[in-house]
C-alpha cells in the first residue's frame, strides 16, 4: 500500500481508501460481512474509511461503528451529511441547525466521540457558505471533528467557499470528494486544477465507474451487477452514452490485457496516477471484491499505458455527462434560466 499526505493536513492516508456505501441495505451486507471487510482492508494497509449518514439511512454508520470498535484510533474516519434523512424538510442541507444535530447522530451511530473528516455531501444552494463554514468551524473547535471537506462540489463553489472562509475568518474545507474514473474525466478540466491550487486533498469516488471498469461488464455479456439491479437506466446499452462506455471498456480491456493488468488494476492505477488525487475510494460489497481491488494497491501505470487510455477517453471528457452530480442547478431546472 502507498500513502500520501491528505492535502496540507499532515495526515498520511492510504492511496486506496475504503468506502462504506455498500454497508447495509444498499449492498445487502450484514454485520459479519462488514466486519470481515473492515478487518481485511485494515490488514491490507487501508487506513481511511469513508461513510455517510445517508448510506442506508444511517445503517452504514452503525455497522461500521461496531466493526471498528476498539481500534478507532488506528484509522482516519470520515463521514458526510446534507442529503435527506427522512421526510422532514429540515432534516437535510448544510444549515447550522441540521449539521449540529446530524453530527451528533452520526457520532452516536458510529460509537465515537469525534470524526477526523466531516464532509458536506452535496452543495446546498439554500444555505450560505458563511452559515455552513461557521457551524463547521464551531464543531471543529468543540473537538467533534478534526477537519472538514466538501463532496461533489462544482469548481466555482470550491473557490467561493475558500474565499468565504478567508473573508469571514473561518476554517476552510481541506478536502474535496469528486467522482473520477477513466470514463468520467470531467473534473480534470476545472475541479482538479482548483483543488491543486488550494492544496486540497482529493478522495475520488466511483473509480470503477459503478462497476463498468470492474471487468464484469463486457460486450455480449448480460449485465448482472448489483448496481445495475437498482439503476438499470445506467446500464442499458441502447442508450448512446452507455454504448459509448461499453465501446471504451472493450478498448480498455485490450490495453489491460497487453499490459498484464486486470481491468480493476488499470482503473484504480489510472485514478491514483493523477498528481491531484490523494486516494481512490473503493466500495466493495464482498470480500472477493475487496481482495481484487486491494491487488491494485501498488499498481503504477507506465506512460505508454496512460497515453493509450488518453486515446480512448480524452482528458477532461465525461462519457456520461448527464450522470454527474455537480451540475449547476440552472442547467437542470429551466425556471432558473428564465426571468
C-alpha atoms as a PDB file:
ATOM      1  CA  UNK A   1       0.000   0.000   0.000  1.00  0.00           C
ATOM      2  CA  UNK A   2       1.149   3.516  -0.802  1.00  0.00           C
ATOM      3  CA  UNK A   3       0.484   6.532   1.452  1.00  0.00           C
ATOM      4  CA  UNK A   4       0.077  10.214   0.686  1.00  0.00           C
ATOM      5  CA  UNK A   5      -0.479  13.381   2.674  1.00  0.00           C
ATOM      6  CA  UNK A   6      -4.130  14.435   2.788  1.00  0.00           C
ATOM      7  CA  UNK A   7      -3.929  17.938   1.369  1.00  0.00           C
ATOM      8  CA  UNK A   8      -1.992  20.141   3.774  1.00  0.00           C
ATOM      9  CA  UNK A   9      -3.271  18.448   6.941  1.00  0.00           C
ATOM     10  CA  UNK A  10      -0.132  16.378   7.552  1.00  0.00           C
ATOM     11  CA  UNK A  11      -2.239  13.208   7.849  1.00  0.00           C
ATOM     12  CA  UNK A  12      -0.905  10.205   5.947  1.00  0.00           C
ATOM     13  CA  UNK A  13      -3.644   8.203   4.236  1.00  0.00           C
ATOM     14  CA  UNK A  14      -3.628   5.109   2.036  1.00  0.00           C
ATOM     15  CA  UNK A  15      -3.978   5.613  -1.717  1.00  0.00           C
ATOM     16  CA  UNK A  16      -6.846   3.112  -1.627  1.00  0.00           C
ATOM     17  CA  UNK A  17      -9.465   4.107   0.935  1.00  0.00           C
ATOM     18  CA  UNK A  18     -12.485   2.062   1.996  1.00  0.00           C
ATOM     19  CA  UNK A  19     -15.870   3.490   1.047  1.00  0.00           C
ATOM     20  CA  UNK A  20     -18.787   2.156   3.090  1.00  0.00           C
ATOM     21  CA  UNK A  21     -21.752   2.921   0.836  1.00  0.00           C
ATOM     22  CA  UNK A  22     -22.414  -0.800   0.345  1.00  0.00           C
ATOM     23  CA  UNK A  23     -22.613  -1.450   4.077  1.00  0.00           C
ATOM     24  CA  UNK A  24     -26.237  -2.184   4.959  1.00  0.00           C
ATOM     25  CA  UNK A  25     -29.341  -2.342   2.795  1.00  0.00           C
ATOM     26  CA  UNK A  26     -27.773  -0.836  -0.322  1.00  0.00           C
ATOM     27  CA  UNK A  27     -25.206  -3.615  -0.639  1.00  0.00           C
ATOM     28  CA  UNK A  28     -27.225  -6.231   1.249  1.00  0.00           C
ATOM     29  CA  UNK A  29     -24.380  -6.684   3.718  1.00  0.00           C
ATOM     30  CA  UNK A  30     -24.797  -7.573   7.385  1.00  0.00           C
ATOM     31  CA  UNK A  31     -22.567  -7.067  10.409  1.00  0.00           C
ATOM     32  CA  UNK A  32     -20.424 -10.175   9.920  1.00  0.00           C
ATOM     33  CA  UNK A  33     -19.674  -9.251   6.300  1.00  0.00           C
ATOM     34  CA  UNK A  34     -18.934  -5.637   7.165  1.00  0.00           C
ATOM     35  CA  UNK A  35     -16.581  -6.605   9.981  1.00  0.00           C
ATOM     36  CA  UNK A  36     -14.762  -9.078   7.728  1.00  0.00           C
ATOM     37  CA  UNK A  37     -14.338  -6.420   5.014  1.00  0.00           C
ATOM     38  CA  UNK A  38     -13.046  -3.863   7.509  1.00  0.00           C
ATOM     39  CA  UNK A  39     -10.669  -6.437   9.044  1.00  0.00           C
ATOM     40  CA  UNK A  40      -9.247  -7.348   5.629  1.00  0.00           C
ATOM     41  CA  UNK A  41      -8.981  -3.727   4.497  1.00  0.00           C
ATOM     42  CA  UNK A  42      -7.029  -2.699   7.585  1.00  0.00           C
ATOM     43  CA  UNK A  43      -4.821  -5.767   7.258  1.00  0.00           C
ATOM     44  CA  UNK A  44      -4.152  -4.742   3.654  1.00  0.00           C
ATOM     45  CA  UNK A  45      -2.895  -1.316   4.707  1.00  0.00           C
ATOM     46  CA  UNK A  46      -6.041   0.768   4.269  1.00  0.00           C
ATOM     47  CA  UNK A  47      -6.196   3.417   6.991  1.00  0.00           C
ATOM     48  CA  UNK A  48      -9.001   5.714   5.786  1.00  0.00           C
ATOM     49  CA  UNK A  49     -12.670   4.691   5.889  1.00  0.00           C
ATOM     50  CA  UNK A  50     -15.383   6.924   4.460  1.00  0.00           C
ATOM     51  CA  UNK A  51     -19.115   6.635   5.108  1.00  0.00           C
ATOM     52  CA  UNK A  52     -22.152   8.952   5.226  1.00  0.00           C
ATOM     53  CA  UNK A  53     -25.311   9.408   7.250  1.00  0.00           C
ATOM     54  CA  UNK A  54     -27.455   8.820   4.146  1.00  0.00           C
ATOM     55  CA  UNK A  55     -25.987   5.418   3.310  1.00  0.00           C
ATOM     56  CA  UNK A  56     -28.874   3.043   4.017  1.00  0.00           C
ATOM     57  CA  UNK A  57     -30.440   5.657   6.279  1.00  0.00           C
ATOM     58  CA  UNK A  58     -27.662   5.538   8.879  1.00  0.00           C
ATOM     59  CA  UNK A  59     -27.220   1.768   8.812  1.00  0.00           C
ATOM     60  CA  UNK A  60     -23.778   2.028   7.220  1.00  0.00           C
ATOM     61  CA  UNK A  61     -22.524   4.165  10.104  1.00  0.00           C
ATOM     62  CA  UNK A  62     -23.988   1.768  12.671  1.00  0.00           C
ATOM     63  CA  UNK A  63     -22.404  -1.322  11.083  1.00  0.00           C
ATOM     64  CA  UNK A  64     -19.088   0.442  10.600  1.00  0.00           C
ATOM     65  CA  UNK A  65     -19.085   1.687  14.182  1.00  0.00           C
ATOM     66  CA  UNK A  66     -19.370  -1.854  15.509  1.00  0.00           C
ATOM     67  CA  UNK A  67     -16.694  -3.088  13.094  1.00  0.00           C
ATOM     68  CA  UNK A  68     -14.109  -0.528  14.248  1.00  0.00           C
ATOM     69  CA  UNK A  69     -14.887  -0.762  17.973  1.00  0.00           C
ATOM     70  CA  UNK A  70     -11.674  -0.889  19.974  1.00  0.00           C
ATOM     71  CA  UNK A  71      -9.451   0.336  17.157  1.00  0.00           C
ATOM     72  CA  UNK A  72     -10.903   3.691  16.256  1.00  0.00           C
ATOM     73  CA  UNK A  73      -7.548   5.442  16.787  1.00  0.00           C
ATOM     74  CA  UNK A  74      -5.884   3.190  14.214  1.00  0.00           C
ATOM     75  CA  UNK A  75      -7.757   4.745  11.289  1.00  0.00           C
ATOM     76  CA  UNK A  76      -8.809   8.025   9.738  1.00  0.00           C
ATOM     77  CA  UNK A  77     -12.596   8.112   9.989  1.00  0.00           C
ATOM     78  CA  UNK A  78     -14.683  10.219   7.603  1.00  0.00           C
ATOM     79  CA  UNK A  79     -18.416  10.715   7.232  1.00  0.00           C
ATOM     80  CA  UNK A  80     -20.740  13.097   5.425  1.00  0.00           C
ATOM     81  CA  UNK A  81     -24.029  14.954   5.828  1.00  0.00           C
ATOM     82  CA  UNK A  82     -26.527  17.120   3.903  1.00  0.00           C
ATOM     83  CA  UNK A  83     -28.527  14.566   1.889  1.00  0.00           C
ATOM     84  CA  UNK A  84     -32.110  13.998   3.114  1.00  0.00           C
ATOM     85  CA  UNK A  85     -32.557  11.840   6.207  1.00  0.00           C
ATOM     86  CA  UNK A  86     -36.295  11.201   6.108  1.00  0.00           C
ATOM     87  CA  UNK A  87     -39.310  13.230   5.064  1.00  0.00           C
ATOM     88  CA  UNK A  88     -38.887  16.202   7.410  1.00  0.00           C
ATOM     89  CA  UNK A  89     -37.860  19.145   5.226  1.00  0.00           C
ATOM     90  CA  UNK A  90     -35.197  20.415   7.623  1.00  0.00           C
ATOM     91  CA  UNK A  91     -33.536  17.020   8.092  1.00  0.00           C
ATOM     92  CA  UNK A  92     -31.158  17.777   5.235  1.00  0.00           C
ATOM     93  CA  UNK A  93     -28.950  20.506   3.878  1.00  0.00           C
ATOM     94  CA  UNK A  94     -25.986  22.394   5.302  1.00  0.00           C
ATOM     95  CA  UNK A  95     -27.613  24.736   7.819  1.00  0.00           C
ATOM     96  CA  UNK A  96     -26.151  25.114  11.300  1.00  0.00           C
ATOM     97  CA  UNK A  97     -29.379  23.702  12.741  1.00  0.00           C
ATOM     98  CA  UNK A  98     -29.059  20.456  10.803  1.00  0.00           C
ATOM     99  CA  UNK A  99     -25.294  19.944  10.836  1.00  0.00           C
ATOM    100  CA  UNK A 100     -25.044  20.304  14.625  1.00  0.00           C
ATOM    101  CA  UNK A 101     -27.890  17.858  15.128  1.00  0.00           C
ATOM    102  CA  UNK A 102     -26.832  15.346  12.498  1.00  0.00           C
ATOM    103  CA  UNK A 103     -23.200  15.220  13.544  1.00  0.00           C
ATOM    104  CA  UNK A 104     -24.343  14.117  16.996  1.00  0.00           C
ATOM    105  CA  UNK A 105     -26.496  11.458  15.331  1.00  0.00           C
ATOM    106  CA  UNK A 106     -23.535  10.244  13.268  1.00  0.00           C
ATOM    107  CA  UNK A 107     -21.248  10.119  16.306  1.00  0.00           C
ATOM    108  CA  UNK A 108     -23.855   8.073  18.159  1.00  0.00           C
ATOM    109  CA  UNK A 109     -24.284   5.644  15.275  1.00  0.00           C
ATOM    110  CA  UNK A 110     -20.528   5.291  14.851  1.00  0.00           C
ATOM    111  CA  UNK A 111     -19.952   4.929  18.593  1.00  0.00           C
ATOM    112  CA  UNK A 112     -17.174   7.555  18.656  1.00  0.00           C
ATOM    113  CA  UNK A 113     -16.665  10.995  20.168  1.00  0.00           C
ATOM    114  CA  UNK A 114     -15.239  12.601  17.027  1.00  0.00           C
ATOM    115  CA  UNK A 115     -14.631  12.053  13.321  1.00  0.00           C
ATOM    116  CA  UNK A 116     -11.446  13.009  11.562  1.00  0.00           C
ATOM    117  CA  UNK A 117     -13.146  14.367   8.452  1.00  0.00           C
ATOM    118  CA  UNK A 118     -16.705  15.698   8.196  1.00  0.00           C
ATOM    119  CA  UNK A 119     -17.860  16.396   4.642  1.00  0.00           C
ATOM    120  CA  UNK A 120     -20.770  18.270   3.102  1.00  0.00           C
ATOM    121  CA  UNK A 121     -22.188  15.546   0.847  1.00  0.00           C
ATOM    122  CA  UNK A 122     -23.577  17.935  -1.760  1.00  0.00           C
ATOM    123  CA  UNK A 123     -23.543  21.701  -2.104  1.00  0.00           C
ATOM    124  CA  UNK A 124     -26.704  23.188  -0.591  1.00  0.00           C
ATOM    125  CA  UNK A 125     -27.792  26.193  -2.691  1.00  0.00           C
ATOM    126  CA  UNK A 126     -30.243  27.303   0.017  1.00  0.00           C
ATOM    127  CA  UNK A 127     -27.529  27.859   2.631  1.00  0.00           C
ATOM    128  CA  UNK A 128     -24.792  30.486   2.559  1.00  0.00           C
ATOM    129  CA  UNK A 129     -21.142  29.460   2.750  1.00  0.00           C
ATOM    130  CA  UNK A 130     -20.735  31.629   5.842  1.00  0.00           C
ATOM    131  CA  UNK A 131     -23.547  29.767   7.637  1.00  0.00           C
ATOM    132  CA  UNK A 132     -22.108  26.347   6.839  1.00  0.00           C
ATOM    133  CA  UNK A 133     -18.452  27.191   7.448  1.00  0.00           C
ATOM    134  CA  UNK A 134     -19.299  28.936  10.731  1.00  0.00           C
ATOM    135  CA  UNK A 135     -21.113  25.836  12.004  1.00  0.00           C
ATOM    136  CA  UNK A 136     -18.299  23.528  10.877  1.00  0.00           C
ATOM    137  CA  UNK A 137     -15.673  25.779  12.465  1.00  0.00           C
ATOM    138  CA  UNK A 138     -17.538  25.688  15.792  1.00  0.00           C
ATOM    139  CA  UNK A 139     -17.848  21.890  15.624  1.00  0.00           C
ATOM    140  CA  UNK A 140     -14.127  21.707  14.944  1.00  0.00           C
ATOM    141  CA  UNK A 141     -13.333  23.938  17.919  1.00  0.00           C
ATOM    142  CA  UNK A 142     -15.613  21.786  20.071  1.00  0.00           C
ATOM    143  CA  UNK A 143     -13.438  18.778  19.202  1.00  0.00           C
ATOM    144  CA  UNK A 144     -16.190  16.825  17.473  1.00  0.00           C
ATOM    145  CA  UNK A 145     -14.460  16.989  14.082  1.00  0.00           C
ATOM    146  CA  UNK A 146     -10.796  17.408  13.252  1.00  0.00           C
ATOM    147  CA  UNK A 147     -11.180  18.672   9.681  1.00  0.00           C
ATOM    148  CA  UNK A 148     -13.975  19.248   7.204  1.00  0.00           C
ATOM    149  CA  UNK A 149     -14.350  18.965   3.464  1.00  0.00           C
ATOM    150  CA  UNK A 150     -16.743  19.096   0.530  1.00  0.00           C
ATOM    151  CA  UNK A 151     -18.054  16.388  -1.754  1.00  0.00           C
ATOM    152  CA  UNK A 152     -19.011  16.684  -5.425  1.00  0.00           C
ATOM    153  CA  UNK A 153     -18.816  20.488  -5.422  1.00  0.00           C
ATOM    154  CA  UNK A 154     -18.520  22.284  -8.765  1.00  0.00           C
ATOM    155  CA  UNK A 155     -15.188  24.079  -9.151  1.00  0.00           C
ATOM    156  CA  UNK A 156     -16.693  27.545  -8.750  1.00  0.00           C
ATOM    157  CA  UNK A 157     -18.299  26.519  -5.434  1.00  0.00           C
ATOM    158  CA  UNK A 158     -14.960  25.242  -4.155  1.00  0.00           C
ATOM    159  CA  UNK A 159     -13.417  28.616  -4.977  1.00  0.00           C
ATOM    160  CA  UNK A 160     -16.331  30.505  -3.428  1.00  0.00           C
ATOM    161  CA  UNK A 161     -16.079  28.524  -0.185  1.00  0.00           C
ATOM    162  CA  UNK A 162     -12.339  29.177   0.055  1.00  0.00           C
ATOM    163  CA  UNK A 163     -12.984  32.887  -0.417  1.00  0.00           C
ATOM    164  CA  UNK A 164     -15.783  32.893   2.189  1.00  0.00           C
ATOM    165  CA  UNK A 165     -13.565  31.190   4.756  1.00  0.00           C
ATOM    166  CA  UNK A 166     -10.892  33.835   4.301  1.00  0.00           C
ATOM    167  CA  UNK A 167     -13.362  36.731   4.198  1.00  0.00           C
ATOM    168  CA  UNK A 168     -15.107  35.696   7.426  1.00  0.00           C
ATOM    169  CA  UNK A 169     -12.021  34.355   9.237  1.00  0.00           C
ATOM    170  CA  UNK A 170     -13.347  30.800   9.420  1.00  0.00           C
ATOM    171  CA  UNK A 171     -11.736  27.413   8.982  1.00  0.00           C
ATOM    172  CA  UNK A 172     -11.821  26.129   5.414  1.00  0.00           C
ATOM    173  CA  UNK A 173     -12.567  22.951   3.543  1.00  0.00           C
ATOM    174  CA  UNK A 174      -9.352  20.915   3.327  1.00  0.00           C
ATOM    175  CA  UNK A 175     -10.634  18.123   1.062  1.00  0.00           C
ATOM    176  CA  UNK A 176     -12.914  17.548  -1.908  1.00  0.00           C
ATOM    177  CA  UNK A 177     -14.534  14.226  -2.812  1.00  0.00           C
ATOM    178  CA  UNK A 178     -15.397  14.142  -6.542  1.00  0.00           C
ATOM    179  CA  UNK A 179     -16.442  11.354  -8.893  1.00  0.00           C
ATOM    180  CA  UNK A 180     -13.494  10.339 -11.087  1.00  0.00           C
ATOM    181  CA  UNK A 181     -12.738   7.420 -13.381  1.00  0.00           C
ATOM    182  CA  UNK A 182     -11.401   6.686 -16.846  1.00  0.00           C
ATOM    183  CA  UNK A 183     -14.955   7.016 -18.163  1.00  0.00           C
ATOM    184  CA  UNK A 184     -15.751  10.218 -16.261  1.00  0.00           C
ATOM    185  CA  UNK A 185     -12.771  12.571 -16.565  1.00  0.00           C
ATOM    186  CA  UNK A 186     -14.589  15.901 -16.459  1.00  0.00           C
ATOM    187  CA  UNK A 187     -13.032  17.010 -13.170  1.00  0.00           C
ATOM    188  CA  UNK A 188      -9.663  17.236 -14.923  1.00  0.00           C
ATOM    189  CA  UNK A 189     -10.938  20.353 -16.673  1.00  0.00           C
ATOM    190  CA  UNK A 190     -11.910  22.531 -13.695  1.00  0.00           C
ATOM    191  CA  UNK A 191     -12.102  20.746 -10.332  1.00  0.00           C
ATOM    192  CA  UNK A 192      -8.621  19.224 -10.073  1.00  0.00           C
ATOM    193  CA  UNK A 193      -6.836  22.428 -11.130  1.00  0.00           C
ATOM    194  CA  UNK A 194      -8.747  24.238  -8.367  1.00  0.00           C
ATOM    195  CA  UNK A 195      -8.069  21.633  -5.681  1.00  0.00           C
ATOM    196  CA  UNK A 196      -4.382  21.670  -6.597  1.00  0.00           C
ATOM    197  CA  UNK A 197      -4.329  25.469  -6.432  1.00  0.00           C
ATOM    198  CA  UNK A 198      -5.781  25.461  -2.902  1.00  0.00           C
ATOM    199  CA  UNK A 199      -3.883  22.402  -1.682  1.00  0.00           C
ATOM    200  CA  UNK A 200      -6.979  20.284  -1.053  1.00  0.00           C
ATOM    201  CA  UNK A 201      -6.802  16.556  -0.514  1.00  0.00           C
ATOM    202  CA  UNK A 202      -8.877  14.677  -3.112  1.00  0.00           C
ATOM    203  CA  UNK A 203     -10.744  11.455  -2.342  1.00  0.00           C
ATOM    204  CA  UNK A 204     -12.059  10.147  -5.659  1.00  0.00           C
ATOM    205  CA  UNK A 205     -15.277   8.150  -5.542  1.00  0.00           C
ATOM    206  CA  UNK A 206     -16.558   5.679  -8.140  1.00  0.00           C
ATOM    207  CA  UNK A 207     -13.102   4.958  -9.631  1.00  0.00           C
ATOM    208  CA  UNK A 208     -14.582   1.781 -11.155  1.00  0.00           C
ATOM    209  CA  UNK A 209     -17.422   3.805 -12.722  1.00  0.00           C
ATOM    210  CA  UNK A 210     -20.206   1.962 -10.876  1.00  0.00           C
ATOM    211  CA  UNK A 211     -18.794  -1.383 -11.990  1.00  0.00           C
ATOM    212  CA  UNK A 212     -18.232  -0.561 -15.661  1.00  0.00           C
ATOM    213  CA  UNK A 213     -14.478  -0.918 -15.105  1.00  0.00           C
ATOM    214  CA  UNK A 214     -14.603  -3.968 -12.834  1.00  0.00           C
ATOM    215  CA  UNK A 215     -14.177  -6.462 -15.673  1.00  0.00           C
ATOM    216  CA  UNK A 216     -17.693  -7.818 -15.153  1.00  0.00           C
ATOM    217  CA  UNK A 217     -19.270  -5.746 -17.941  1.00  0.00           C
ATOM    218  CA  UNK A 218     -18.228  -6.739 -21.448  1.00  0.00           C
ATOM    219  CA  UNK A 219     -19.699  -6.902 -24.920  1.00  0.00           C
ATOM    220  CA  UNK A 220     -22.049  -9.862 -25.355  1.00  0.00           C
ATOM    221  CA  UNK A 221     -22.488 -10.476 -21.637  1.00  0.00           C
ATOM    222  CA  UNK A 222     -25.662  -9.877 -19.695  1.00  0.00           C
ATOM    223  CA  UNK A 223     -25.171  -7.035 -17.242  1.00  0.00           C
ATOM    224  CA  UNK A 224     -25.969  -8.500 -13.832  1.00  0.00           C
ATOM    225  CA  UNK A 225     -24.030  -6.373 -11.375  1.00  0.00           C
ATOM    226  CA  UNK A 226     -25.553  -5.299  -8.072  1.00  0.00           C
ATOM    227  CA  UNK A 227     -25.663  -1.665  -9.157  1.00  0.00           C
ATOM    228  CA  UNK A 228     -27.483  -2.483 -12.401  1.00  0.00           C
ATOM    229  CA  UNK A 229     -30.323  -4.081 -10.442  1.00  0.00           C
ATOM    230  CA  UNK A 230     -31.436  -0.757  -8.950  1.00  0.00           C
ATOM    231  CA  UNK A 231     -30.034   1.656 -11.571  1.00  0.00           C
ATOM    232  CA  UNK A 232     -30.918  -0.175 -14.818  1.00  0.00           C
ATOM    233  CA  UNK A 233     -31.010   3.005 -16.903  1.00  0.00           C
ATOM    234  CA  UNK A 234     -27.276   3.477 -16.371  1.00  0.00           C
ATOM    235  CA  UNK A 235     -26.515   0.075 -17.865  1.00  0.00           C
ATOM    236  CA  UNK A 236     -28.962  -0.024 -20.785  1.00  0.00           C
ATOM    237  CA  UNK A 237     -26.618  -0.314 -23.769  1.00  0.00           C
ATOM    238  CA  UNK A 238     -29.265   1.033 -26.147  1.00  0.00           C
ATOM    239  CA  UNK A 239     -28.666   4.428 -24.507  1.00  0.00           C
ATOM    240  CA  UNK A 240     -25.964   6.238 -26.545  1.00  0.00           C
ATOM    241  CA  UNK A 241     -23.883   7.258 -23.505  1.00  0.00           C
ATOM    242  CA  UNK A 242     -23.891   3.685 -22.206  1.00  0.00           C
ATOM    243  CA  UNK A 243     -22.969   2.394 -25.662  1.00  0.00           C
ATOM    244  CA  UNK A 244     -20.018   4.776 -25.645  1.00  0.00           C
ATOM    245  CA  UNK A 245     -18.955   3.468 -22.260  1.00  0.00           C
ATOM    246  CA  UNK A 246     -19.134  -0.142 -23.432  1.00  0.00           C
ATOM    247  CA  UNK A 247     -17.115   0.654 -26.552  1.00  0.00           C
ATOM    248  CA  UNK A 248     -14.470   2.310 -24.374  1.00  0.00           C
ATOM    249  CA  UNK A 249     -14.447  -0.657 -21.987  1.00  0.00           C
ATOM    250  CA  UNK A 250     -13.726  -3.057 -24.840  1.00  0.00           C
ATOM    251  CA  UNK A 251     -10.750  -0.960 -25.944  1.00  0.00           C
ATOM    252  CA  UNK A 252      -9.532  -0.558 -22.358  1.00  0.00           C
ATOM    253  CA  UNK A 253      -9.727  -4.323 -21.834  1.00  0.00           C
ATOM    254  CA  UNK A 254      -7.237  -4.780 -24.672  1.00  0.00           C
ATOM    255  CA  UNK A 255      -4.874  -2.267 -23.084  1.00  0.00           C
ATOM    256  CA  UNK A 256      -5.140  -4.071 -19.745  1.00  0.00           C
ATOM    257  CA  UNK A 257      -4.527  -7.482 -21.326  1.00  0.00           C
ATOM    258  CA  UNK A 258      -1.491  -6.273 -23.257  1.00  0.00           C
ATOM    259  CA  UNK A 259      -0.085  -4.739 -20.061  1.00  0.00           C
ATOM    260  CA  UNK A 260      -0.670  -7.808 -17.910  1.00  0.00           C
ATOM    261  CA  UNK A 261      -3.188  -5.980 -15.755  1.00  0.00           C
ATOM    262  CA  UNK A 262      -6.729  -6.625 -14.637  1.00  0.00           C
ATOM    263  CA  UNK A 263      -9.345  -4.034 -15.519  1.00  0.00           C
ATOM    264  CA  UNK A 264      -9.504  -3.111 -11.843  1.00  0.00           C
ATOM    265  CA  UNK A 265      -5.764  -2.500 -11.703  1.00  0.00           C
ATOM    266  CA  UNK A 266      -5.975  -0.382 -14.833  1.00  0.00           C
ATOM    267  CA  UNK A 267      -8.893   1.658 -13.468  1.00  0.00           C
ATOM    268  CA  UNK A 268      -7.521   2.253  -9.981  1.00  0.00           C
ATOM    269  CA  UNK A 269      -3.983   2.782 -11.243  1.00  0.00           C
ATOM    270  CA  UNK A 270      -5.298   5.484 -13.571  1.00  0.00           C
ATOM    271  CA  UNK A 271      -7.091   7.390 -10.803  1.00  0.00           C
ATOM    272  CA  UNK A 272      -4.203   7.273  -8.333  1.00  0.00           C
ATOM    273  CA  UNK A 273      -1.713   8.280 -11.054  1.00  0.00           C
ATOM    274  CA  UNK A 274      -3.105  11.821 -11.206  1.00  0.00           C
ATOM    275  CA  UNK A 275      -0.938  14.151  -9.069  1.00  0.00           C
ATOM    276  CA  UNK A 276      -4.048  15.929  -7.797  1.00  0.00           C
ATOM    277  CA  UNK A 277      -5.624  12.770  -6.352  1.00  0.00           C
ATOM    278  CA  UNK A 278      -4.835  11.624  -2.820  1.00  0.00           C
ATOM    279  CA  UNK A 279      -6.857   8.401  -2.624  1.00  0.00           C
ATOM    280  CA  UNK A 280      -9.299   6.333  -4.644  1.00  0.00           C
ATOM    281  CA  UNK A 281     -12.351   5.238  -2.676  1.00  0.00           C
ATOM    282  CA  UNK A 282     -13.131   1.575  -3.259  1.00  0.00           C
ATOM    283  CA  UNK A 283     -16.604   0.350  -2.295  1.00  0.00           C
ATOM    284  CA  UNK A 284     -16.516  -3.457  -2.081  1.00  0.00           C
ATOM    285  CA  UNK A 285     -19.708  -5.362  -1.375  1.00  0.00           C
ATOM    286  CA  UNK A 286     -17.944  -8.674  -0.694  1.00  0.00           C
ATOM    287  CA  UNK A 287     -14.547  -9.888   0.478  1.00  0.00           C
ATOM    288  CA  UNK A 288     -13.780 -11.091  -3.039  1.00  0.00           C
ATOM    289  CA  UNK A 289     -14.443  -7.596  -4.355  1.00  0.00           C
ATOM    290  CA  UNK A 290     -12.124  -6.149  -1.726  1.00  0.00           C
ATOM    291  CA  UNK A 291      -9.253  -8.514  -2.470  1.00  0.00           C
ATOM    292  CA  UNK A 292      -9.484  -7.865  -6.220  1.00  0.00           C
ATOM    293  CA  UNK A 293      -9.311  -4.132  -5.541  1.00  0.00           C
ATOM    294  CA  UNK A 294      -6.507  -4.314  -2.966  1.00  0.00           C
ATOM    295  CA  UNK A 295      -4.477  -6.104  -5.653  1.00  0.00           C
ATOM    296  CA  UNK A 296      -4.196  -2.689  -7.322  1.00  0.00           C
ATOM    297  CA  UNK A 297      -2.608  -1.055  -4.275  1.00  0.00           C
ATOM    298  CA  UNK A 298       0.887  -0.985  -5.774  1.00  0.00           C
ATOM    299  CA  UNK A 299      -0.118  -0.572  -9.419  1.00  0.00           C
ATOM    300  CA  UNK A 300       1.874   2.104 -11.225  1.00  0.00           C
ATOM    301  CA  UNK A 301       0.847   2.612 -14.844  1.00  0.00           C
ATOM    302  CA  UNK A 302       3.545   3.373 -17.393  1.00  0.00           C
ATOM    303  CA  UNK A 303       3.437   6.465 -19.583  1.00  0.00           C
ATOM    304  CA  UNK A 304       2.612   4.249 -22.565  1.00  0.00           C
ATOM    305  CA  UNK A 305      -0.448   2.819 -20.809  1.00  0.00           C
ATOM    306  CA  UNK A 306      -1.628   6.263 -19.701  1.00  0.00           C
ATOM    307  CA  UNK A 307      -1.159   7.538 -23.261  1.00  0.00           C
ATOM    308  CA  UNK A 308      -3.246   4.625 -24.561  1.00  0.00           C
ATOM    309  CA  UNK A 309      -6.019   5.488 -22.112  1.00  0.00           C
ATOM    310  CA  UNK A 310      -5.948   9.109 -23.309  1.00  0.00           C
ATOM    311  CA  UNK A 311      -6.570   7.980 -26.878  1.00  0.00           C
ATOM    312  CA  UNK A 312      -9.647   6.004 -25.798  1.00  0.00           C
ATOM    313  CA  UNK A 313     -11.184   8.615 -23.481  1.00  0.00           C
ATOM    314  CA  UNK A 314      -9.765  12.081 -23.993  1.00  0.00           C
ATOM    315  CA  UNK A 315      -8.608  14.061 -20.947  1.00  0.00           C
ATOM    316  CA  UNK A 316     -11.390  16.130 -19.396  1.00  0.00           C
ATOM    317  CA  UNK A 317     -14.134  14.090 -21.077  1.00  0.00           C
ATOM    318  CA  UNK A 318     -17.237  12.655 -19.392  1.00  0.00           C
ATOM    319  CA  UNK A 319     -18.738   9.856 -21.461  1.00  0.00           C
ATOM    320  CA  UNK A 320     -21.976  10.211 -19.487  1.00  0.00           C
ATOM    321  CA  UNK A 321     -22.171  13.891 -18.603  1.00  0.00           C
ATOM    322  CA  UNK A 322     -25.833  13.566 -17.570  1.00  0.00           C
ATOM    323  CA  UNK A 323     -24.804  11.321 -14.671  1.00  0.00           C
ATOM    324  CA  UNK A 324     -22.681  13.961 -12.995  1.00  0.00           C
ATOM    325  CA  UNK A 325     -23.699  15.188  -9.554  1.00  0.00           C
ATOM    326  CA  UNK A 326     -22.052  18.610  -9.625  1.00  0.00           C
ATOM    327  CA  UNK A 327     -24.074  20.141 -12.458  1.00  0.00           C
ATOM    328  CA  UNK A 328     -25.133  23.744 -11.688  1.00  0.00           C
ATOM    329  CA  UNK A 329     -28.846  23.783 -10.748  1.00  0.00           C
ATOM    330  CA  UNK A 330     -29.713  26.189 -13.581  1.00  0.00           C
ATOM    331  CA  UNK A 331     -28.747  23.544 -16.139  1.00  0.00           C
ATOM    332  CA  UNK A 332     -31.268  21.136 -14.652  1.00  0.00           C
ATOM    333  CA  UNK A 333     -34.186  23.481 -13.876  1.00  0.00           C
ATOM    334  CA  UNK A 334     -35.312  25.691 -16.791  1.00  0.00           C
ATOM    335  CA  UNK A 335     -37.020  28.098 -14.373  1.00  0.00           C
ATOM    336  CA  UNK A 336     -33.611  29.110 -13.041  1.00  0.00           C
ATOM    337  CA  UNK A 337     -32.534  30.207 -16.517  1.00  0.00           C
ATOM    338  CA  UNK A 338     -35.525  32.442 -17.174  1.00  0.00           C
ATOM    339  CA  UNK A 339     -36.717  35.731 -15.714  1.00  0.00           C
END
